[in-house]
Amino acid sequence: MTTAHWSAPDIAGDILAAAHRPGLPEPVAVHVRPELRARLCGADGADELVTSLAGVPFVVDEEIPGVPGFEIHRAPPEGAVT
């Protein structure tokens, strides 16, 4: 019998992987729910504000759905009419 050991989830890494998917425009911001921001700051209760991750600004937004708890806002594709 084996015992599986699971590492802690990499929330920031998962968000960055979704933000930088190949073939999609670059992210300009990631909107996160307040409780997700709290988890990104760490379980030790750090007061340090998470404002960006790998150059992508984070915006706290209570209006987005609870699942998955974040939205990726992307630059419009080149040539798009805005």
Foldseek 3Di string as FASTA:
>chain_A
DDDDDDDDDDVVVVVVCVQPPPPDAHFQAKEFEPVVQQVVCHPVRDPDGCQDDPPHGYHHDNPDDVVVGMDTHGDDPPPDDD
